[in-house]
């Protein structure tokens, strides 16, 4: 598996690094909420703080994301 196709949970994306959302995994309602907020497959995000909670930037928006339970946002580092 090459670096471009490697998927990691969004909270493991190092500070200052960019990643492309590859999958949203979890409860349908939680996935729908993230999608409505703009986090969807193909969106490029930048990590401002890794861990839980993580802070990400995408487009002109910043979001504090605390994944709980079975919700996972998977990204491929770019």
PDB file of N, CA and C in Angstrom:
ATOM      1  N   UNK A   1       0.851  -1.192   0.000  1.00  0.00           N
ATOM      2  CA  UNK A   1       0.000   0.000   0.000  1.00  0.00           C
ATOM      3  C   UNK A   1       0.887   1.241   0.000  1.00  0.00           C
ATOM      4  N   UNK A   2       0.654   2.152  -0.918  1.00  0.00           N
ATOM      5  CA  UNK A   2       1.464   3.357  -1.007  1.00  0.00           C
ATOM      6  C   UNK A   2       0.958   4.406  -0.023  1.00  0.00           C
ATOM      7  N   UNK A   3       1.770   5.402   0.201  1.00  0.00           N
ATOM      8  CA  UNK A   3       1.402   6.478   1.131  1.00  0.00           C
ATOM      9  C   UNK A   3       0.115   7.176   0.705  1.00  0.00           C
ATOM     10  N   UNK A   4      -0.091   7.315  -0.622  1.00  0.00           N
ATOM     11  CA  UNK A   4      -1.269   8.016  -1.112  1.00  0.00           C
ATOM     12  C   UNK A   4      -2.557   7.251  -0.835  1.00  0.00           C
ATOM     13  N   UNK A   5      -2.486   5.926  -0.736  1.00  0.00           N
ATOM     14  CA  UNK A   5      -3.698   5.136  -0.535  1.00  0.00           C
ATOM     15  C   UNK A   5      -3.866   4.690   0.908  1.00  0.00           C
ATOM     16  N   UNK A   6      -2.917   4.998   1.766  1.00  0.00           N
ATOM     17  CA  UNK A   6      -3.007   4.625   3.171  1.00  0.00           C
ATOM     18  C   UNK A   6      -4.108   5.431   3.849  1.00  0.00           C
ATOM     19  N   UNK A   7      -4.979   4.745   4.572  1.00  0.00           N
ATOM     20  CA  UNK A   7      -6.068   5.414   5.277  1.00  0.00           C
ATOM     21  C   UNK A   7      -5.791   5.384   6.776  1.00  0.00           C
ATOM     22  N   UNK A   8      -6.017   6.530   7.417  1.00  0.00           N
ATOM     23  CA  UNK A   8      -5.869   6.616   8.868  1.00  0.00           C
ATOM     24  C   UNK A   8      -7.074   7.374   9.429  1.00  0.00           C
ATOM     25  N   UNK A   9      -7.386   7.156  10.705  1.00  0.00           N
ATOM     26  CA  UNK A   9      -8.440   7.965  11.324  1.00  0.00           C
ATOM     27  C   UNK A   9      -8.007   9.429  11.353  1.00  0.00           C
ATOM     28  N   UNK A  10      -8.952  10.316  11.174  1.00  0.00           N
ATOM     29  CA  UNK A  10      -8.649  11.747  11.072  1.00  0.00           C
ATOM     30  C   UNK A  10      -7.915  12.270  12.305  1.00  0.00           C
ATOM     31  N   UNK A  11      -8.190  11.714  13.484  1.00  0.00           N
ATOM     32  CA  UNK A  11      -7.532  12.201  14.695  1.00  0.00           C
ATOM     33  C   UNK A  11      -6.046  11.838  14.759  1.00  0.00           C
ATOM     34  N   UNK A  12      -5.574  10.958  13.857  1.00  0.00           N
ATOM     35  CA  UNK A  12      -4.153  10.611  13.803  1.00  0.00           C
ATOM     36  C   UNK A  12      -3.381  11.417  12.766  1.00  0.00           C
ATOM     37  N   UNK A  13      -4.068  12.261  12.015  1.00  0.00           N
ATOM     38  CA  UNK A  13      -3.405  13.095  11.015  1.00  0.00           C
ATOM     39  C   UNK A  13      -2.530  14.126  11.734  1.00  0.00           C
ATOM     40  N   UNK A  14      -1.211  14.130  11.482  1.00  0.00           N
ATOM     41  CA  UNK A  14      -0.320  15.045  12.196  1.00  0.00           C
ATOM     42  C   UNK A  14      -0.660  16.519  11.964  1.00  0.00           C
ATOM     43  N   UNK A  15      -0.392  17.332  12.982  1.00  0.00           N
ATOM     44  CA  UNK A  15      -0.642  18.777  12.908  1.00  0.00           C
ATOM     45  C   UNK A  15       0.066  19.362  11.690  1.00  0.00           C
ATOM     46  N   UNK A  16      -0.676  20.165  10.932  1.00  0.00           N
ATOM     47  CA  UNK A  16      -0.124  20.829   9.758  1.00  0.00           C
ATOM     48  C   UNK A  16      -0.184  20.004   8.484  1.00  0.00           C
ATOM     49  N   UNK A  17      -0.549  18.737   8.588  1.00  0.00           N
ATOM     50  CA  UNK A  17      -0.628  17.864   7.415  1.00  0.00           C
ATOM     51  C   UNK A  17      -2.029  17.876   6.825  1.00  0.00           C
ATOM     52  N   UNK A  18      -2.105  17.626   5.526  1.00  0.00           N
ATOM     53  CA  UNK A  18      -3.388  17.581   4.834  1.00  0.00           C
ATOM     54  C   UNK A  18      -3.754  16.133   4.529  1.00  0.00           C
ATOM     55  N   UNK A  19      -5.050  15.915   4.432  1.00  0.00           N
ATOM     56  CA  UNK A  19      -5.551  14.599   4.082  1.00  0.00           C
ATOM     57  C   UNK A  19      -6.861  14.743   3.321  1.00  0.00           C
ATOM     58  N   UNK A  20      -7.177  13.731   2.544  1.00  0.00           N
ATOM     59  CA  UNK A  20      -8.423  13.704   1.787  1.00  0.00           C
ATOM     60  C   UNK A  20      -9.337  12.682   2.442  1.00  0.00           C
ATOM     61  N   UNK A  21     -10.574  13.079   2.746  1.00  0.00           N
ATOM     62  CA  UNK A  21     -11.530  12.175   3.373  1.00  0.00           C
ATOM     63  C   UNK A  21     -11.829  11.036   2.400  1.00  0.00           C
ATOM     64  N   UNK A  22     -11.646   9.801   2.884  1.00  0.00           N
ATOM     65  CA  UNK A  22     -11.875   8.626   2.047  1.00  0.00           C
ATOM     66  C   UNK A  22     -13.122   7.871   2.467  1.00  0.00           C
ATOM     67  N   UNK A  23     -13.539   8.009   3.735  1.00  0.00           N
ATOM     68  CA  UNK A  23     -14.721   7.275   4.197  1.00  0.00           C
ATOM     69  C   UNK A  23     -15.247   7.867   5.492  1.00  0.00           C
ATOM     70  N   UNK A  24     -16.558   7.804   5.645  1.00  0.00           N
ATOM     71  CA  UNK A  24     -17.233   8.131   6.897  1.00  0.00           C
ATOM     72  C   UNK A  24     -17.900   6.842   7.348  1.00  0.00           C
ATOM     73  N   UNK A  25     -17.511   6.366   8.521  1.00  0.00           N
ATOM     74  CA  UNK A  25     -18.003   5.081   9.002  1.00  0.00           C
ATOM     75  C   UNK A  25     -18.715   5.297  10.329  1.00  0.00           C
ATOM     76  N   UNK A  26     -19.935   4.794  10.443  1.00  0.00           N
ATOM     77  CA  UNK A  26     -20.651   4.912  11.705  1.00  0.00           C
ATOM     78  C   UNK A  26     -22.148   4.936  11.516  1.00  0.00           C
ATOM     79  N   UNK A  27     -22.822   5.363  12.551  1.00  0.00           N
ATOM     80  CA  UNK A  27     -24.266   5.474  12.564  1.00  0.00           C
ATOM     81  C   UNK A  27     -24.718   6.409  11.440  1.00  0.00           C
ATOM     82  N   UNK A  28     -25.758   6.036  10.749  1.00  0.00           N
ATOM     83  CA  UNK A  28     -26.243   6.812   9.600  1.00  0.00           C
ATOM     84  C   UNK A  28     -26.566   8.258   9.964  1.00  0.00           C
ATOM     85  N   UNK A  29     -27.138   8.490  11.157  1.00  0.00           N
ATOM     86  CA  UNK A  29     -27.467   9.860  11.566  1.00  0.00           C
ATOM     87  C   UNK A  29     -26.214  10.696  11.782  1.00  0.00           C
ATOM     88  N   UNK A  30     -25.176  10.096  12.386  1.00  0.00           N
ATOM     89  CA  UNK A  30     -23.928  10.823  12.623  1.00  0.00           C
ATOM     90  C   UNK A  30     -23.220  11.125  11.304  1.00  0.00           C
ATOM     91  N   UNK A  31     -23.221  10.155  10.398  1.00  0.00           N
ATOM     92  CA  UNK A  31     -22.607  10.359   9.083  1.00  0.00           C
ATOM     93  C   UNK A  31     -23.360  11.450   8.322  1.00  0.00           C
ATOM     94  N   UNK A  32     -24.686  11.438   8.382  1.00  0.00           N
ATOM     95  CA  UNK A  32     -25.484  12.467   7.704  1.00  0.00           C
ATOM     96  C   UNK A  32     -25.200  13.851   8.273  1.00  0.00           C
ATOM     97  N   UNK A  33     -25.012  13.945   9.571  1.00  0.00           N
ATOM     98  CA  UNK A  33     -24.723  15.247  10.199  1.00  0.00           C
ATOM     99  C   UNK A  33     -23.378  15.791   9.726  1.00  0.00           C
ATOM    100  N   UNK A  34     -22.345  14.927   9.717  1.00  0.00           N
ATOM    101  CA  UNK A  34     -21.035  15.370   9.232  1.00  0.00           C
ATOM    102  C   UNK A  34     -21.109  15.784   7.762  1.00  0.00           C
ATOM    103  N   UNK A  35     -21.847  15.026   6.968  1.00  0.00           N
ATOM    104  CA  UNK A  35     -22.008  15.354   5.551  1.00  0.00           C
ATOM    105  C   UNK A  35     -22.671  16.711   5.394  1.00  0.00           C
ATOM    106  N   UNK A  36     -23.687  16.987   6.205  1.00  0.00           N
ATOM    107  CA  UNK A  36     -24.374  18.280   6.151  1.00  0.00           C
ATOM    108  C   UNK A  36     -23.449  19.428   6.554  1.00  0.00           C
ATOM    109  N   UNK A  37     -22.491  19.146   7.421  1.00  0.00           N
ATOM    110  CA  UNK A  37     -21.536  20.166   7.857  1.00  0.00           C
ATOM    111  C   UNK A  37     -20.391  20.364   6.857  1.00  0.00           C
ATOM    112  N   UNK A  38     -20.322  19.483   5.844  1.00  0.00           N
ATOM    113  CA  UNK A  38     -19.302  19.644   4.816  1.00  0.00           C
ATOM    114  C   UNK A  38     -18.207  18.604   4.829  1.00  0.00           C
ATOM    115  N   UNK A  39     -18.212  17.701   5.802  1.00  0.00           N
ATOM    116  CA  UNK A  39     -17.218  16.629   5.853  1.00  0.00           C
ATOM    117  C   UNK A  39     -17.781  15.454   5.067  1.00  0.00           C
ATOM    118  N   UNK A  40     -17.238  15.246   3.872  1.00  0.00           N
ATOM    119  CA  UNK A  40     -17.718  14.153   3.026  1.00  0.00           C
ATOM    120  C   UNK A  40     -16.542  13.605   2.225  1.00  0.00           C
ATOM    121  N   UNK A  41     -16.745  12.456   1.619  1.00  0.00           N
ATOM    122  CA  UNK A  41     -15.698  11.802   0.845  1.00  0.00           C
ATOM    123  C   UNK A  41     -15.168  12.754  -0.226  1.00  0.00           C
ATOM    124  N   UNK A  42     -13.832  12.842  -0.320  1.00  0.00           N
ATOM    125  CA  UNK A  42     -13.188  13.679  -1.323  1.00  0.00           C
ATOM    126  C   UNK A  42     -12.766  15.053  -0.837  1.00  0.00           C
ATOM    127  N   UNK A  43     -13.273  15.486   0.327  1.00  0.00           N
ATOM    128  CA  UNK A  43     -12.937  16.805   0.860  1.00  0.00           C
ATOM    129  C   UNK A  43     -11.517  16.779   1.435  1.00  0.00           C
ATOM    130  N   UNK A  44     -10.724  17.803   1.108  1.00  0.00           N
ATOM    131  CA  UNK A  44      -9.380  17.904   1.661  1.00  0.00           C
ATOM    132  C   UNK A  44      -9.435  18.684   2.975  1.00  0.00           C
ATOM    133  N   UNK A  45      -8.823  18.124   3.999  1.00  0.00           N
ATOM    134  CA  UNK A  45      -8.792  18.753   5.322  1.00  0.00           C
ATOM    135  C   UNK A  45      -7.347  18.970   5.739  1.00  0.00           C
ATOM    136  N   UNK A  46      -7.143  19.921   6.634  1.00  0.00           N
ATOM    137  CA  UNK A  46      -5.827  20.173   7.217  1.00  0.00           C
ATOM    138  C   UNK A  46      -5.953  20.039   8.727  1.00  0.00           C
ATOM    139  N   UNK A  47      -5.047  19.301   9.333  1.00  0.00           N
ATOM    140  CA  UNK A  47      -5.073  19.101  10.779  1.00  0.00           C
ATOM    141  C   UNK A  47      -4.447  20.299  11.491  1.00  0.00           C
ATOM    142  N   UNK A  48      -5.198  20.896  12.397  1.00  0.00           N
ATOM    143  CA  UNK A  48      -4.674  21.981  13.220  1.00  0.00           C
ATOM    144  C   UNK A  48      -4.284  21.464  14.597  1.00  0.00           C
ATOM    145  N   UNK A  49      -4.911  20.355  15.014  1.00  0.00           N
ATOM    146  CA  UNK A  49      -4.592  19.694  16.285  1.00  0.00           C
ATOM    147  C   UNK A  49      -4.999  18.243  16.157  1.00  0.00           C
ATOM    148  N   UNK A  50      -4.051  17.321  16.407  1.00  0.00           N
ATOM    149  CA  UNK A  50      -4.402  15.907  16.328  1.00  0.00           C
ATOM    150  C   UNK A  50      -4.858  15.410  17.691  1.00  0.00           C
ATOM    151  N   UNK A  51      -5.466  14.248  17.719  1.00  0.00           N
ATOM    152  CA  UNK A  51      -5.936  13.664  18.972  1.00  0.00           C
ATOM    153  C   UNK A  51      -7.442  13.753  19.073  1.00  0.00           C
ATOM    154  N   UNK A  52      -7.918  13.587  20.285  1.00  0.00           N
ATOM    155  CA  UNK A  52      -9.360  13.640  20.520  1.00  0.00           C
ATOM    156  C   UNK A  52      -9.634  14.618  21.657  1.00  0.00           C
ATOM    157  N   UNK A  53     -10.198  15.777  21.373  1.00  0.00           N
ATOM    158  CA  UNK A  53     -10.745  16.178  20.081  1.00  0.00           C
ATOM    159  C   UNK A  53      -9.653  16.651  19.131  1.00  0.00           C
ATOM    160  N   UNK A  54      -9.927  16.529  17.843  1.00  0.00           N
ATOM    161  CA  UNK A  54      -9.010  17.078  16.849  1.00  0.00           C
ATOM    162  C   UNK A  54      -9.664  18.330  16.261  1.00  0.00           C
ATOM    163  N   UNK A  55      -8.818  19.214  15.774  1.00  0.00           N
ATOM    164  CA  UNK A  55      -9.312  20.427  15.131  1.00  0.00           C
ATOM    165  C   UNK A  55      -8.839  20.379  13.689  1.00  0.00           C
ATOM    166  N   UNK A  56      -9.781  20.548  12.773  1.00  0.00           N
ATOM    167  CA  UNK A  56      -9.459  20.486  11.357  1.00  0.00           C
ATOM    168  C   UNK A  56      -9.945  21.744  10.658  1.00  0.00           C
ATOM    169  N   UNK A  57      -9.327  22.017   9.523  1.00  0.00           N
ATOM    170  CA  UNK A  57      -9.763  23.121   8.670  1.00  0.00           C
ATOM    171  C   UNK A  57     -10.048  22.545   7.299  1.00  0.00           C
ATOM    172  N   UNK A  58     -11.147  22.980   6.703  1.00  0.00           N
ATOM    173  CA  UNK A  58     -11.486  22.590   5.338  1.00  0.00           C
ATOM    174  C   UNK A  58     -12.211  23.764   4.718  1.00  0.00           C
ATOM    175  N   UNK A  59     -11.747  24.160   3.543  1.00  0.00           N
ATOM    176  CA  UNK A  59     -12.290  25.364   2.924  1.00  0.00           C
ATOM    177  C   UNK A  59     -12.058  26.552   3.846  1.00  0.00           C
ATOM    178  N   UNK A  60     -13.102  27.312   4.118  1.00  0.00           N
ATOM    179  CA  UNK A  60     -13.022  28.463   5.021  1.00  0.00           C
ATOM    180  C   UNK A  60     -13.510  28.129   6.417  1.00  0.00           C
ATOM    181  N   UNK A  61     -13.719  26.855   6.694  1.00  0.00           N
ATOM    182  CA  UNK A  61     -14.291  26.436   7.980  1.00  0.00           C
ATOM    183  C   UNK A  61     -13.271  25.712   8.843  1.00  0.00           C
ATOM    184  N   UNK A  62     -13.442  25.869  10.138  1.00  0.00           N
ATOM    185  CA  UNK A  62     -12.682  25.102  11.125  1.00  0.00           C
ATOM    186  C   UNK A  62     -13.685  24.344  11.979  1.00  0.00           C
ATOM    187  N   UNK A  63     -13.291  23.142  12.383  1.00  0.00           N
ATOM    188  CA  UNK A  63     -14.199  22.311  13.159  1.00  0.00           C
ATOM    189  C   UNK A  63     -13.419  21.547  14.219  1.00  0.00           C
ATOM    190  N   UNK A  64     -13.990  21.508  15.403  1.00  0.00           N
ATOM    191  CA  UNK A  64     -13.482  20.669  16.467  1.00  0.00           C
ATOM    192  C   UNK A  64     -14.284  19.370  16.390  1.00  0.00           C
ATOM    193  N   UNK A  65     -13.603  18.262  16.205  1.00  0.00           N
ATOM    194  CA  UNK A  65     -14.269  16.988  15.979  1.00  0.00           C
ATOM    195  C   UNK A  65     -13.879  15.995  17.067  1.00  0.00           C
ATOM    196  N   UNK A  66     -14.850  15.544  17.791  1.00  0.00           N
ATOM    197  CA  UNK A  66     -14.638  14.525  18.820  1.00  0.00           C
ATOM    198  C   UNK A  66     -15.390  13.278  18.376  1.00  0.00           C
ATOM    199  N   UNK A  67     -14.670  12.316  17.850  1.00  0.00           N
ATOM    200  CA  UNK A  67     -15.324  11.088  17.413  1.00  0.00           C
ATOM    201  C   UNK A  67     -15.553  10.214  18.630  1.00  0.00           C
ATOM    202  N   UNK A  68     -16.770   9.772  18.771  1.00  0.00           N
ATOM    203  CA  UNK A  68     -17.142   8.938  19.909  1.00  0.00           C
ATOM    204  C   UNK A  68     -17.866   7.710  19.395  1.00  0.00           C
ATOM    205  N   UNK A  69     -17.817   6.663  20.155  1.00  0.00           N
ATOM    206  CA  UNK A  69     -18.517   5.456  19.749  1.00  0.00           C
ATOM    207  C   UNK A  69     -17.917   4.869  18.491  1.00  0.00           C
ATOM    208  N   UNK A  70     -18.764   4.580  17.524  1.00  0.00           N
ATOM    209  CA  UNK A  70     -18.313   3.894  16.316  1.00  0.00           C
ATOM    210  C   UNK A  70     -18.095   4.834  15.140  1.00  0.00           C
ATOM    211  N   UNK A  71     -18.227   6.139  15.335  1.00  0.00           N
ATOM    212  CA  UNK A  71     -18.016   7.079  14.238  1.00  0.00           C
ATOM    213  C   UNK A  71     -16.533   7.204  13.925  1.00  0.00           C
ATOM    214  N   UNK A  72     -16.192   7.049  12.657  1.00  0.00           N
ATOM    215  CA  UNK A  72     -14.811   7.193  12.199  1.00  0.00           C
ATOM    216  C   UNK A  72     -14.804   8.014  10.914  1.00  0.00           C
ATOM    217  N   UNK A  73     -13.890   8.978  10.864  1.00  0.00           N
ATOM    218  CA  UNK A  73     -13.622   9.704   9.630  1.00  0.00           C
ATOM    219  C   UNK A  73     -12.247   9.246   9.189  1.00  0.00           C
ATOM    220  N   UNK A  74     -12.186   8.591   8.045  1.00  0.00           N
ATOM    221  CA  UNK A  74     -10.918   8.067   7.538  1.00  0.00           C
ATOM    222  C   UNK A  74     -10.390   9.030   6.479  1.00  0.00           C
ATOM    223  N   UNK A  75      -9.068   9.270   6.533  1.00  0.00           N
ATOM    224  CA  UNK A  75      -8.426  10.159   5.560  1.00  0.00           C
ATOM    225  C   UNK A  75      -7.200   9.482   4.969  1.00  0.00           C
ATOM    226  N   UNK A  76      -6.849   9.937   3.785  1.00  0.00           N
ATOM    227  CA  UNK A  76      -5.626   9.506   3.113  1.00  0.00           C
ATOM    228  C   UNK A  76      -4.703  10.717   3.099  1.00  0.00           C
ATOM    229  N   UNK A  77      -3.536  10.627   3.771  1.00  0.00           N
ATOM    230  CA  UNK A  77      -2.618  11.774   3.785  1.00  0.00           C
ATOM    231  C   UNK A  77      -2.205  12.171   2.361  1.00  0.00           C
ATOM    232  N   UNK A  78      -2.097  13.501   2.133  1.00  0.00           N
ATOM    233  CA  UNK A  78      -1.645  13.997   0.821  1.00  0.00           C
ATOM    234  C   UNK A  78      -0.389  14.811   0.993  1.00  0.00           C
TER     235      UNK A  78
END
